[in-house]
Amino acid sequence: MTPEAGRRGGVEKQAVLLVAGLADLAVSTLGTAVGTVRGLLRRSDTAELASEVEHELMARGRLVLDRYAAVPPAHLETLARHVLDRKSTDDV
């Protein structure tokens, strides 16, 4: 066996182990999510809980839109304000 073949086998083995680990993580996460959903469906206040979730998601949506949809101030305007601030502190 050449050193190259040993390395290639090692890389292939690592890739297989990585994929197997990711698959196991996905299956366990899915199992946990299904268990959580089943528990939520058994609750007597499911409608109230769904309403609260809807309000929470809408609030999060507003925050995201406020964060990313707001137009930042113009670069030159920001520089002009810095210059004015410096001039006013130099004059004092």
C-alpha atoms as a PDB file:
ATOM      1  CA  MET A   1       0.000   0.000   0.000  1.00  0.00           C
ATOM      2  CA  THR A   2       1.408   3.378  -1.030  1.00  0.00           C
ATOM      3  CA  PRO A   3       1.261   6.396   1.273  1.00  0.00           C
ATOM      4  CA  GLU A   4      -1.149   8.099  -1.140  1.00  0.00           C
ATOM      5  CA  ALA A   5      -3.589   5.184  -0.973  1.00  0.00           C
ATOM      6  CA  GLY A   6      -3.444   5.242   2.827  1.00  0.00           C
ATOM      7  CA  ARG A   7      -4.234   8.964   2.908  1.00  0.00           C
ATOM      8  CA  ARG A   8      -7.034   8.657   0.379  1.00  0.00           C
ATOM      9  CA  GLY A   9      -8.588   5.838   2.396  1.00  0.00           C
ATOM     10  CA  GLY A  10      -8.262   8.000   5.487  1.00  0.00           C
ATOM     11  CA  VAL A  11      -9.991  10.935   3.829  1.00  0.00           C
ATOM     12  CA  GLU A  12     -12.756   8.698   2.493  1.00  0.00           C
ATOM     13  CA  LYS A  13     -13.200   7.140   5.925  1.00  0.00           C
ATOM     14  CA  GLN A  14     -13.366  10.588   7.513  1.00  0.00           C
ATOM     15  CA  ALA A  15     -15.990  11.663   4.980  1.00  0.00           C
ATOM     16  CA  VAL A  16     -18.097   8.567   5.692  1.00  0.00           C
ATOM     17  CA  LEU A  17     -17.813   9.134   9.432  1.00  0.00           C
ATOM     18  CA  LEU A  18     -18.749  12.794   9.008  1.00  0.00           C
ATOM     19  CA  VAL A  19     -21.824  11.971   6.916  1.00  0.00           C
ATOM     20  CA  ALA A  20     -22.876   9.255   9.378  1.00  0.00           C
ATOM     21  CA  GLY A  21     -22.512  11.677  12.279  1.00  0.00           C
ATOM     22  CA  LEU A  22     -24.560  14.338  10.501  1.00  0.00           C
ATOM     23  CA  ALA A  23     -27.265  11.802   9.665  1.00  0.00           C
ATOM     24  CA  ASP A  24     -27.427  10.670  13.294  1.00  0.00           C
ATOM     25  CA  LEU A  25     -27.698  14.280  14.449  1.00  0.00           C
ATOM     26  CA  ALA A  26     -30.494  14.958  11.956  1.00  0.00           C
ATOM     27  CA  VAL A  27     -32.431  11.860  13.039  1.00  0.00           C
ATOM     28  CA  SER A  28     -32.110  12.661  16.740  1.00  0.00           C
ATOM     29  CA  THR A  29     -33.098  16.299  16.165  1.00  0.00           C
ATOM     30  CA  LEU A  30     -36.103  15.210  14.112  1.00  0.00           C
ATOM     31  CA  GLY A  31     -37.111  12.755  16.837  1.00  0.00           C
ATOM     32  CA  THR A  32     -36.920  15.472  19.460  1.00  0.00           C
ATOM     33  CA  ALA A  33     -38.960  17.844  17.291  1.00  0.00           C
ATOM     34  CA  VAL A  34     -41.653  15.210  16.714  1.00  0.00           C
ATOM     35  CA  GLY A  35     -41.848  14.556  20.449  1.00  0.00           C
ATOM     36  CA  THR A  36     -42.200  18.272  21.122  1.00  0.00           C
ATOM     37  CA  VAL A  37     -44.973  18.628  18.544  1.00  0.00           C
ATOM     38  CA  ARG A  38     -46.837  15.653  20.020  1.00  0.00           C
ATOM     39  CA  GLY A  39     -46.592  17.207  23.476  1.00  0.00           C
ATOM     40  CA  LEU A  40     -47.901  20.522  22.173  1.00  0.00           C
ATOM     41  CA  LEU A  41     -50.851  18.867  20.434  1.00  0.00           C
ATOM     42  CA  ARG A  42     -51.890  17.217  23.697  1.00  0.00           C
ATOM     43  CA  ARG A  43     -52.188  20.536  25.487  1.00  0.00           C
ATOM     44  CA  SER A  44     -55.631  21.909  26.200  1.00  0.00           C
ATOM     45  CA  ASP A  45     -54.619  25.484  25.391  1.00  0.00           C
ATOM     46  CA  THR A  46     -53.325  24.768  21.885  1.00  0.00           C
ATOM     47  CA  ALA A  47     -55.291  27.626  20.290  1.00  0.00           C
ATOM     48  CA  GLU A  48     -53.968  30.121  22.838  1.00  0.00           C
ATOM     49  CA  LEU A  49     -50.443  28.799  22.394  1.00  0.00           C
ATOM     50  CA  ALA A  50     -50.716  29.114  18.597  1.00  0.00           C
ATOM     51  CA  SER A  51     -51.903  32.714  19.014  1.00  0.00           C
ATOM     52  CA  GLU A  52     -48.947  33.532  21.248  1.00  0.00           C
ATOM     53  CA  VAL A  53     -46.558  31.932  18.756  1.00  0.00           C
ATOM     54  CA  GLU A  54     -48.094  33.985  15.950  1.00  0.00           C
ATOM     55  CA  HIS A  55     -47.640  37.225  17.911  1.00  0.00           C
ATOM     56  CA  GLU A  56     -44.063  36.270  18.785  1.00  0.00           C
ATOM     57  CA  LEU A  57     -43.215  35.505  15.158  1.00  0.00           C
ATOM     58  CA  MET A  58     -44.743  38.783  13.987  1.00  0.00           C
ATOM     59  CA  ALA A  59     -42.732  40.709  16.580  1.00  0.00           C
ATOM     60  CA  ARG A  60     -39.551  38.949  15.446  1.00  0.00           C
ATOM     61  CA  GLY A  61     -40.428  39.732  11.841  1.00  0.00           C
ATOM     62  CA  ARG A  62     -40.817  43.426  12.676  1.00  0.00           C
ATOM     63  CA  LEU A  63     -37.443  43.439  14.408  1.00  0.00           C
ATOM     64  CA  VAL A  64     -35.744  41.775  11.439  1.00  0.00           C
ATOM     65  CA  LEU A  65     -37.307  44.193   8.968  1.00  0.00           C
ATOM     66  CA  ASP A  66     -36.381  47.171  11.142  1.00  0.00           C
ATOM     67  CA  ARG A  67     -32.818  45.900  11.412  1.00  0.00           C
ATOM     68  CA  TYR A  68     -32.196  45.101   7.749  1.00  0.00           C
ATOM     69  CA  ALA A  69     -34.676  47.217   5.796  1.00  0.00           C
ATOM     70  CA  ALA A  70     -33.693  50.547   7.311  1.00  0.00           C
ATOM     71  CA  VAL A  71     -31.573  52.613   4.966  1.00  0.00           C
ATOM     72  CA  PRO A  72     -28.274  53.613   6.570  1.00  0.00           C
ATOM     73  CA  PRO A  73     -27.353  57.305   6.523  1.00  0.00           C
ATOM     74  CA  ALA A  74     -25.444  58.544   3.505  1.00  0.00           C
ATOM     75  CA  HIS A  75     -21.687  58.212   3.874  1.00  0.00           C
ATOM     76  CA  LEU A  76     -20.934  61.802   2.952  1.00  0.00           C
ATOM     77  CA  GLU A  77     -23.584  63.060   5.360  1.00  0.00           C
ATOM     78  CA  THR A  78     -21.973  61.087   8.168  1.00  0.00           C
ATOM     79  CA  LEU A  79     -18.553  62.524   7.312  1.00  0.00           C
ATOM     80  CA  ALA A  80     -19.986  66.063   7.200  1.00  0.00           C
ATOM     81  CA  ARG A  81     -21.483  65.601  10.671  1.00  0.00           C
ATOM     82  CA  HIS A  82     -18.113  64.432  12.011  1.00  0.00           C
ATOM     83  CA  VAL A  83     -16.439  67.500  10.526  1.00  0.00           C
ATOM     84  CA  LEU A  84     -19.047  69.803  12.063  1.00  0.00           C
ATOM     85  CA  ASP A  85     -18.649  68.111  15.436  1.00  0.00           C
ATOM     86  CA  ARG A  86     -14.874  68.543  15.292  1.00  0.00           C
ATOM     87  CA  LYS A  87     -15.178  72.196  14.301  1.00  0.00           C
ATOM     88  CA  SER A  88     -17.576  72.913  17.138  1.00  0.00           C
ATOM     89  CA  THR A  89     -15.269  71.256  19.703  1.00  0.00           C
ATOM     90  CA  ASP A  90     -12.204  73.075  18.281  1.00  0.00           C
ATOM     91  CA  ASP A  91     -13.999  76.431  18.554  1.00  0.00           C
ATOM     92  CA  VAL A  92     -14.720  75.921  22.243  1.00  0.00           C
END
